[in-house]
Amino acid sequence: MMDVLLMKMAITEILHFSNIPVKVTLNEFIEISKMYSTPKSKIFINGILDKLLIDFKSGNMLNKMGRGLME
Protein backbone atom coordinates (compact mmCIF):
# COMPACT_ATOMS: atom_id res chain seq x y z
CA MET A 1 0.00 0.00 0.00
CA MET A 2 2.85 2.40 0.77
CA ASP A 3 4.31 1.97 -2.73
CA VAL A 4 0.95 2.79 -4.33
CA LEU A 5 0.54 5.85 -2.13
CA LEU A 6 4.04 7.12 -2.96
CA MET A 7 3.46 6.62 -6.69
CA LYS A 8 0.12 8.47 -6.56
CA MET A 9 1.76 11.37 -4.75
CA ALA A 10 4.63 11.46 -7.26
CA ILE A 11 2.24 11.37 -10.24
CA THR A 12 0.24 14.23 -8.74
CA GLU A 13 3.39 16.28 -8.25
CA ILE A 14 4.61 15.52 -11.78
CA LEU A 15 1.34 16.45 -13.45
CA HIS A 16 0.08 19.35 -11.35
CA PHE A 17 3.11 21.18 -9.93
CA SER A 18 4.63 22.89 -12.96
CA ASN A 19 7.41 24.55 -10.97
CA ILE A 20 8.99 21.30 -9.68
CA PRO A 21 11.36 19.49 -12.07
CA VAL A 22 10.54 15.87 -12.87
CA LYS A 23 13.97 14.65 -11.73
CA VAL A 24 13.49 16.29 -8.34
CA THR A 25 10.14 14.56 -7.89
CA LEU A 26 11.55 11.17 -8.87
CA ASN A 27 14.54 11.49 -6.54
CA GLU A 28 12.36 12.74 -3.70
CA PHE A 29 9.91 9.85 -3.80
CA ILE A 30 12.59 7.21 -4.33
CA GLU A 31 14.34 8.51 -1.21
CA ILE A 32 11.07 8.47 0.74
CA SER A 33 10.48 4.86 -0.34
CA LYS A 34 13.87 3.90 1.10
CA MET A 35 12.74 5.11 4.53
CA TYR A 36 9.10 4.01 4.63
CA SER A 37 8.81 0.95 2.41
CA THR A 38 10.59 -2.31 1.58
CA PRO A 39 14.19 -2.51 0.32
CA LYS A 40 13.04 -3.40 -3.21
CA SER A 41 10.41 -0.65 -3.38
CA LYS A 42 12.82 1.94 -4.73
CA ILE A 43 13.46 -0.19 -7.82
CA PHE A 44 9.76 -0.91 -8.31
CA ILE A 45 8.67 2.72 -7.90
CA ASN A 46 11.45 4.00 -10.17
CA GLY A 47 10.51 1.53 -12.91
CA ILE A 48 6.80 2.33 -12.82
CA LEU A 49 7.33 6.09 -12.74
CA ASP A 50 9.84 5.93 -15.61
CA LYS A 51 7.30 4.09 -17.78
CA LEU A 52 4.56 6.55 -16.83
CA LEU A 53 6.78 9.50 -17.72
CA ILE A 54 7.19 8.11 -21.23
CA ASP A 55 3.40 7.95 -21.54
CA PHE A 56 2.97 11.45 -20.09
CA LYS A 57 5.51 12.89 -22.54
CA SER A 58 3.98 11.16 -25.56
CA GLY A 59 0.51 12.35 -24.56
CA ASN A 60 1.71 15.93 -23.92
CA MET A 61 0.44 15.74 -20.36
CA LEU A 62 3.47 17.46 -18.80
CA ASN A 63 3.21 21.21 -18.46
CA LYS A 64 6.70 21.95 -17.18
CA MET A 65 8.04 25.30 -18.33
CA GLY A 66 11.19 27.20 -17.55
CA ARG A 67 14.85 26.56 -17.32
CA GLY A 68 15.75 23.21 -15.76
CA LEU A 69 12.18 21.94 -15.60
CA MET A 70 12.15 19.90 -18.80
CA GLU A 71 14.47 16.95 -19.37
PDB file of N, CA and C in Angstrom:
ATOM      1  N   MET A   1       0.815  -1.198   0.000  1.00  0.00           N
ATOM      2  CA  MET A   1       0.000   0.000   0.000  1.00  0.00           C
ATOM      3  C   MET A   1       0.861   1.265   0.000  1.00  0.00           C
ATOM      4  N   MET A   2       1.991   1.221   0.702  1.00  0.00           N
ATOM      5  CA  MET A   2       2.849   2.404   0.766  1.00  0.00           C
ATOM      6  C   MET A   2       3.410   2.739  -0.616  1.00  0.00           C
ATOM      7  N   ASP A   3       3.781   1.722  -1.383  1.00  0.00           N
ATOM      8  CA  ASP A   3       4.309   1.972  -2.729  1.00  0.00           C
ATOM      9  C   ASP A   3       3.263   2.653  -3.605  1.00  0.00           C
ATOM     10  N   VAL A   4       2.031   2.196  -3.534  1.00  0.00           N
ATOM     11  CA  VAL A   4       0.950   2.787  -4.329  1.00  0.00           C
ATOM     12  C   VAL A   4       0.730   4.239  -3.913  1.00  0.00           C
ATOM     13  N   LEU A   5       0.725   4.490  -2.630  1.00  0.00           N
ATOM     14  CA  LEU A   5       0.542   5.851  -2.127  1.00  0.00           C
ATOM     15  C   LEU A   5       1.666   6.768  -2.608  1.00  0.00           C
ATOM     16  N   LEU A   6       2.902   6.307  -2.516  1.00  0.00           N
ATOM     17  CA  LEU A   6       4.036   7.117  -2.955  1.00  0.00           C
ATOM     18  C   LEU A   6       3.965   7.399  -4.455  1.00  0.00           C
ATOM     19  N   MET A   7       3.571   6.409  -5.243  1.00  0.00           N
ATOM     20  CA  MET A   7       3.462   6.622  -6.687  1.00  0.00           C
ATOM     21  C   MET A   7       2.346   7.602  -7.027  1.00  0.00           C
ATOM     22  N   LYS A   8       1.219   7.516  -6.322  1.00  0.00           N
ATOM     23  CA  LYS A   8       0.125   8.465  -6.560  1.00  0.00           C
ATOM     24  C   LYS A   8       0.558   9.889  -6.225  1.00  0.00           C
ATOM     25  N   MET A   9       1.284  10.041  -5.138  1.00  0.00           N
ATOM     26  CA  MET A   9       1.760  11.366  -4.753  1.00  0.00           C
ATOM     27  C   MET A   9       2.759  11.900  -5.784  1.00  0.00           C
ATOM     28  N   ALA A  10       3.646  11.042  -6.256  1.00  0.00           N
ATOM     29  CA  ALA A  10       4.631  11.455  -7.257  1.00  0.00           C
ATOM     30  C   ALA A  10       3.951  11.843  -8.565  1.00  0.00           C
ATOM     31  N   ILE A  11       2.969  11.068  -9.000  1.00  0.00           N
ATOM     32  CA  ILE A  11       2.243  11.374 -10.238  1.00  0.00           C
ATOM     33  C   ILE A  11       1.525  12.712 -10.108  1.00  0.00           C
ATOM     34  N   THR A  12       0.914  12.956  -8.967  1.00  0.00           N
ATOM     35  CA  THR A  12       0.241  14.231  -8.744  1.00  0.00           C
ATOM     36  C   THR A  12       1.230  15.381  -8.829  1.00  0.00           C
ATOM     37  N   GLU A  13       2.379  15.221  -8.216  1.00  0.00           N
ATOM     38  CA  GLU A  13       3.389  16.281  -8.250  1.00  0.00           C
ATOM     39  C   GLU A  13       3.912  16.493  -9.670  1.00  0.00           C
ATOM     40  N   ILE A  14       4.114  15.411 -10.409  1.00  0.00           N
ATOM     41  CA  ILE A  14       4.614  15.519 -11.780  1.00  0.00           C
ATOM     42  C   ILE A  14       3.613  16.240 -12.675  1.00  0.00           C
ATOM     43  N   LEU A  15       2.346  15.911 -12.550  1.00  0.00           N
ATOM     44  CA  LEU A  15       1.339  16.448 -13.455  1.00  0.00           C
ATOM     45  C   LEU A  15       0.807  17.827 -13.064  1.00  0.00           C
ATOM     46  N   HIS A  16       0.780  18.141 -11.785  1.00  0.00           N
ATOM     47  CA  HIS A  16       0.076  19.347 -11.352  1.00  0.00           C
ATOM     48  C   HIS A  16       0.944  20.439 -10.728  1.00  0.00           C
ATOM     49  N   PHE A  17       2.208  20.174 -10.491  1.00  0.00           N
ATOM     50  CA  PHE A  17       3.106  21.177  -9.934  1.00  0.00           C
ATOM     51  C   PHE A  17       4.130  21.546 -11.003  1.00  0.00           C
ATOM     52  N   SER A  18       3.810  22.545 -11.796  1.00  0.00           N
ATOM     53  CA  SER A  18       4.629  22.886 -12.956  1.00  0.00           C
ATOM     54  C   SER A  18       5.981  23.499 -12.591  1.00  0.00           C
ATOM     55  N   ASN A  19       6.154  23.923 -11.370  1.00  0.00           N
ATOM     56  CA  ASN A  19       7.412  24.553 -10.969  1.00  0.00           C
ATOM     57  C   ASN A  19       8.419  23.580 -10.356  1.00  0.00           C
ATOM     58  N   ILE A  20       8.081  22.301 -10.252  1.00  0.00           N
ATOM     59  CA  ILE A  20       8.988  21.304  -9.679  1.00  0.00           C
ATOM     60  C   ILE A  20       9.496  20.412 -10.809  1.00  0.00           C
ATOM     61  N   PRO A  21      10.822  20.347 -11.013  1.00  0.00           N
ATOM     62  CA  PRO A  21      11.362  19.490 -12.072  1.00  0.00           C
ATOM     63  C   PRO A  21      11.043  18.012 -11.846  1.00  0.00           C
ATOM     64  N   VAL A  22      10.882  17.293 -12.938  1.00  0.00           N
ATOM     65  CA  VAL A  22      10.537  15.871 -12.874  1.00  0.00           C
ATOM     66  C   VAL A  22      11.613  15.089 -12.123  1.00  0.00           C
ATOM     67  N   LYS A  23      12.874  15.386 -12.394  1.00  0.00           N
ATOM     68  CA  LYS A  23      13.966  14.653 -11.735  1.00  0.00           C
ATOM     69  C   LYS A  23      13.934  14.835 -10.216  1.00  0.00           C
ATOM     70  N   VAL A  24      13.581  16.016  -9.782  1.00  0.00           N
ATOM     71  CA  VAL A  24      13.493  16.286  -8.341  1.00  0.00           C
ATOM     72  C   VAL A  24      12.396  15.432  -7.724  1.00  0.00           C
ATOM     73  N   THR A  25      11.252  15.378  -8.390  1.00  0.00           N
ATOM     74  CA  THR A  25      10.138  14.564  -7.892  1.00  0.00           C
ATOM     75  C   THR A  25      10.532  13.096  -7.813  1.00  0.00           C
ATOM     76  N   LEU A  26      11.146  12.581  -8.869  1.00  0.00           N
ATOM     77  CA  LEU A  26      11.550  11.167  -8.866  1.00  0.00           C
ATOM     78  C   LEU A  26      12.523  10.882  -7.732  1.00  0.00           C
ATOM     79  N   ASN A  27      13.552  11.705  -7.603  1.00  0.00           N
ATOM     80  CA  ASN A  27      14.541  11.491  -6.538  1.00  0.00           C
ATOM     81  C   ASN A  27      13.911  11.578  -5.158  1.00  0.00           C
ATOM     82  N   GLU A  28      13.018  12.528  -4.994  1.00  0.00           N
ATOM     83  CA  GLU A  28      12.358  12.735  -3.704  1.00  0.00           C
ATOM     84  C   GLU A  28      11.567  11.495  -3.274  1.00  0.00           C
ATOM     85  N   PHE A  29      10.757  10.968  -4.177  1.00  0.00           N
ATOM     86  CA  PHE A  29       9.909   9.847  -3.800  1.00  0.00           C
ATOM     87  C   PHE A  29      10.667   8.528  -3.731  1.00  0.00           C
ATOM     88  N   ILE A  30      11.745   8.403  -4.469  1.00  0.00           N
ATOM     89  CA  ILE A  30      12.588   7.208  -4.327  1.00  0.00           C
ATOM     90  C   ILE A  30      13.272   7.225  -2.966  1.00  0.00           C
ATOM     91  N   GLU A  31      13.731   8.392  -2.537  1.00  0.00           N
ATOM     92  CA  GLU A  31      14.338   8.512  -1.209  1.00  0.00           C
ATOM     93  C   GLU A  31      13.320   8.227  -0.104  1.00  0.00           C
ATOM     94  N   ILE A  32      12.113   8.736  -0.263  1.00  0.00           N
ATOM     95  CA  ILE A  32      11.065   8.470   0.737  1.00  0.00           C
ATOM     96  C   ILE A  32      10.771   6.975   0.813  1.00  0.00           C
ATOM     97  N   SER A  33      10.764   6.299  -0.334  1.00  0.00           N
ATOM     98  CA  SER A  33      10.480   4.861  -0.340  1.00  0.00           C
ATOM     99  C   SER A  33      11.563   4.073   0.391  1.00  0.00           C
ATOM    100  N   LYS A  34      12.786   4.573   0.375  1.00  0.00           N
ATOM    101  CA  LYS A  34      13.866   3.902   1.097  1.00  0.00           C
ATOM    102  C   LYS A  34      13.616   3.910   2.602  1.00  0.00           C
ATOM    103  N   MET A  35      12.976   4.980   3.091  1.00  0.00           N
ATOM    104  CA  MET A  35      12.742   5.111   4.526  1.00  0.00           C
ATOM    105  C   MET A  35      11.467   4.412   4.990  1.00  0.00           C
ATOM    106  N   TYR A  36      10.416   4.444   4.160  1.00  0.00           N
ATOM    107  CA  TYR A  36       9.104   4.009   4.631  1.00  0.00           C
ATOM    108  C   TYR A  36       8.560   2.748   3.975  1.00  0.00           C
ATOM    109  N   SER A  37       9.330   2.134   3.090  1.00  0.00           N
ATOM    110  CA  SER A  37       8.814   0.953   2.410  1.00  0.00           C
ATOM    111  C   SER A  37       9.871  -0.147   2.419  1.00  0.00           C
ATOM    112  N   THR A  38       9.687  -1.152   1.598  1.00  0.00           N
ATOM    113  CA  THR A  38      10.593  -2.306   1.578  1.00  0.00           C
ATOM    114  C   THR A  38      11.881  -1.973   0.832  1.00  0.00           C
ATOM    115  N   PRO A  39      12.925  -2.767   1.009  1.00  0.00           N
ATOM    116  CA  PRO A  39      14.194  -2.507   0.318  1.00  0.00           C
ATOM    117  C   PRO A  39      14.082  -2.526  -1.215  1.00  0.00           C
ATOM    118  N   LYS A  40      13.178  -3.308  -1.757  1.00  0.00           N
ATOM    119  CA  LYS A  40      13.036  -3.396  -3.210  1.00  0.00           C
ATOM    120  C   LYS A  40      12.051  -2.374  -3.775  1.00  0.00           C
ATOM    121  N   SER A  41      11.413  -1.612  -2.927  1.00  0.00           N
ATOM    122  CA  SER A  41      10.414  -0.651  -3.382  1.00  0.00           C
ATOM    123  C   SER A  41      10.999   0.444  -4.254  1.00  0.00           C
ATOM    124  N   LYS A  42      12.217   0.870  -3.947  1.00  0.00           N
ATOM    125  CA  LYS A  42      12.816   1.945  -4.732  1.00  0.00           C
ATOM    126  C   LYS A  42      12.976   1.547  -6.195  1.00  0.00           C
ATOM    127  N   ILE A  43      13.313   0.301  -6.444  1.00  0.00           N
ATOM    128  CA  ILE A  43      13.460  -0.193  -7.817  1.00  0.00           C
ATOM    129  C   ILE A  43      12.099  -0.278  -8.495  1.00  0.00           C
ATOM    130  N   PHE A  44      11.114  -0.777  -7.782  1.00  0.00           N
ATOM    131  CA  PHE A  44       9.758  -0.905  -8.313  1.00  0.00           C
ATOM    132  C   PHE A  44       9.163   0.466  -8.647  1.00  0.00           C
ATOM    133  N   ILE A  45       9.236   1.389  -7.712  1.00  0.00           N
ATOM    134  CA  ILE A  45       8.666   2.716  -7.901  1.00  0.00           C
ATOM    135  C   ILE A  45       9.376   3.447  -9.046  1.00  0.00           C
ATOM    136  N   ASN A  46      10.692   3.355  -9.094  1.00  0.00           N
ATOM    137  CA  ASN A  46      11.447   4.003 -10.166  1.00  0.00           C
ATOM    138  C   ASN A  46      11.042   3.449 -11.530  1.00  0.00           C
ATOM    139  N   GLY A  47      10.895   2.144 -11.637  1.00  0.00           N
ATOM    140  CA  GLY A  47      10.512   1.532 -12.907  1.00  0.00           C
ATOM    141  C   GLY A  47       9.133   1.961 -13.371  1.00  0.00           C
ATOM    142  N   ILE A  48       8.176   1.952 -12.464  1.00  0.00           N
ATOM    143  CA  ILE A  48       6.803   2.331 -12.819  1.00  0.00           C
ATOM    144  C   ILE A  48       6.739   3.804 -13.213  1.00  0.00           C
ATOM    145  N   LEU A  49       7.372   4.662 -12.437  1.00  0.00           N
ATOM    146  CA  LEU A  49       7.331   6.094 -12.741  1.00  0.00           C
ATOM    147  C   LEU A  49       8.058   6.417 -14.043  1.00  0.00           C
ATOM    148  N   ASP A  50       9.144   5.718 -14.336  1.00  0.00           N
ATOM    149  CA  ASP A  50       9.839   5.929 -15.612  1.00  0.00           C
ATOM    150  C   ASP A  50       8.941   5.588 -16.794  1.00  0.00           C
ATOM    151  N   LYS A  51       8.225   4.477 -16.704  1.00  0.00           N
ATOM    152  CA  LYS A  51       7.302   4.089 -17.778  1.00  0.00           C
ATOM    153  C   LYS A  51       6.160   5.088 -17.905  1.00  0.00           C
ATOM    154  N   LEU A  52       5.632   5.562 -16.792  1.00  0.00           N
ATOM    155  CA  LEU A  52       4.555   6.549 -16.830  1.00  0.00           C
ATOM    156  C   LEU A  52       5.020   7.869 -17.430  1.00  0.00           C
ATOM    157  N   LEU A  53       6.258   8.261 -17.145  1.00  0.00           N
ATOM    158  CA  LEU A  53       6.785   9.498 -17.716  1.00  0.00           C
ATOM    159  C   LEU A  53       6.841   9.435 -19.236  1.00  0.00           C
ATOM    160  N   ILE A  54       7.180   8.290 -19.774  1.00  0.00           N
ATOM    161  CA  ILE A  54       7.186   8.111 -21.230  1.00  0.00           C
ATOM    162  C   ILE A  54       5.787   8.330 -21.778  1.00  0.00           C
ATOM    163  N   ASP A  55       4.786   7.761 -21.114  1.00  0.00           N
ATOM    164  CA  ASP A  55       3.396   7.949 -21.537  1.00  0.00           C
ATOM    165  C   ASP A  55       2.959   9.404 -21.399  1.00  0.00           C
ATOM    166  N   PHE A  56       3.342  10.052 -20.309  1.00  0.00           N
ATOM    167  CA  PHE A  56       2.968  11.446 -20.093  1.00  0.00           C
ATOM    168  C   PHE A  56       3.573  12.345 -21.164  1.00  0.00           C
ATOM    169  N   LYS A  57       4.842  12.082 -21.520  1.00  0.00           N
ATOM    170  CA  LYS A  57       5.505  12.894 -22.541  1.00  0.00           C
ATOM    171  C   LYS A  57       4.875  12.676 -23.907  1.00  0.00           C
ATOM    172  N   SER A  58       4.575  11.430 -24.250  1.00  0.00           N
ATOM    173  CA  SER A  58       3.985  11.156 -25.564  1.00  0.00           C
ATOM    174  C   SER A  58       2.566  11.703 -25.671  1.00  0.00           C
ATOM    175  N   GLY A  59       1.868  11.809 -24.567  1.00  0.00           N
ATOM    176  CA  GLY A  59       0.513  12.352 -24.557  1.00  0.00           C
ATOM    177  C   GLY A  59       0.456  13.842 -24.263  1.00  0.00           C
ATOM    178  N   ASN A  60       1.627  14.489 -24.230  1.00  0.00           N
ATOM    179  CA  ASN A  60       1.713  15.930 -23.923  1.00  0.00           C
ATOM    180  C   ASN A  60       0.967  16.305 -22.646  1.00  0.00           C
ATOM    181  N   MET A  61       1.118  15.485 -21.625  1.00  0.00           N
ATOM    182  CA  MET A  61       0.440  15.738 -20.356  1.00  0.00           C
ATOM    183  C   MET A  61       1.293  16.567 -19.392  1.00  0.00           C
ATOM    184  N   LEU A  62       2.591  16.698 -19.680  1.00  0.00           N
ATOM    185  CA  LEU A  62       3.475  17.460 -18.802  1.00  0.00           C
ATOM    186  C   LEU A  62       3.402  18.930 -19.172  1.00  0.00           C
ATOM    187  N   ASN A  63       3.250  19.772 -18.201  1.00  0.00           N
ATOM    188  CA  ASN A  63       3.215  21.210 -18.458  1.00  0.00           C
ATOM    189  C   ASN A  63       4.340  21.916 -17.710  1.00  0.00           C
ATOM    190  N   LYS A  64       5.525  21.365 -17.825  1.00  0.00           N
ATOM    191  CA  LYS A  64       6.697  21.950 -17.178  1.00  0.00           C
ATOM    192  C   LYS A  64       7.267  23.028 -18.102  1.00  0.00           C
ATOM    193  N   MET A  65       7.493  24.201 -17.551  1.00  0.00           N
ATOM    194  CA  MET A  65       8.043  25.299 -18.325  1.00  0.00           C
ATOM    195  C   MET A  65       9.148  25.957 -17.518  1.00  0.00           C
ATOM    196  N   GLY A  66      10.106  26.482 -18.221  1.00  0.00           N
ATOM    197  CA  GLY A  66      11.189  27.196 -17.555  1.00  0.00           C
ATOM    198  C   GLY A  66      12.473  26.425 -17.592  1.00  0.00           C
ATOM    199  N   ARG A  67      13.517  27.125 -17.277  1.00  0.00           N
ATOM    200  CA  ARG A  67      14.854  26.558 -17.319  1.00  0.00           C
ATOM    201  C   ARG A  67      15.001  25.469 -16.259  1.00  0.00           C
ATOM    202  N   GLY A  68      15.505  24.316 -16.675  1.00  0.00           N
ATOM    203  CA  GLY A  68      15.751  23.213 -15.760  1.00  0.00           C
ATOM    204  C   GLY A  68      14.543  22.372 -15.423  1.00  0.00           C
ATOM    205  N   LEU A  69      13.374  22.701 -15.944  1.00  0.00           N
ATOM    206  CA  LEU A  69      12.177  21.942 -15.596  1.00  0.00           C
ATOM    207  C   LEU A  69      11.879  20.826 -16.589  1.00  0.00           C
ATOM    208  N   MET A  70      12.338  20.962 -17.810  1.00  0.00           N
ATOM    209  CA  MET A  70      12.150  19.905 -18.802  1.00  0.00           C
ATOM    210  C   MET A  70      13.429  19.102 -18.927  1.00  0.00           C
ATOM    211  N   GLU A  71      13.291  17.822 -19.194  1.00  0.00           N
ATOM    212  CA  GLU A  71      14.471  16.954 -19.366  1.00  0.00           C
ATOM    213  C   GLU A  71      14.984  17.053 -20.767  1.00  0.00           C
TER     214      GLU A  71
END
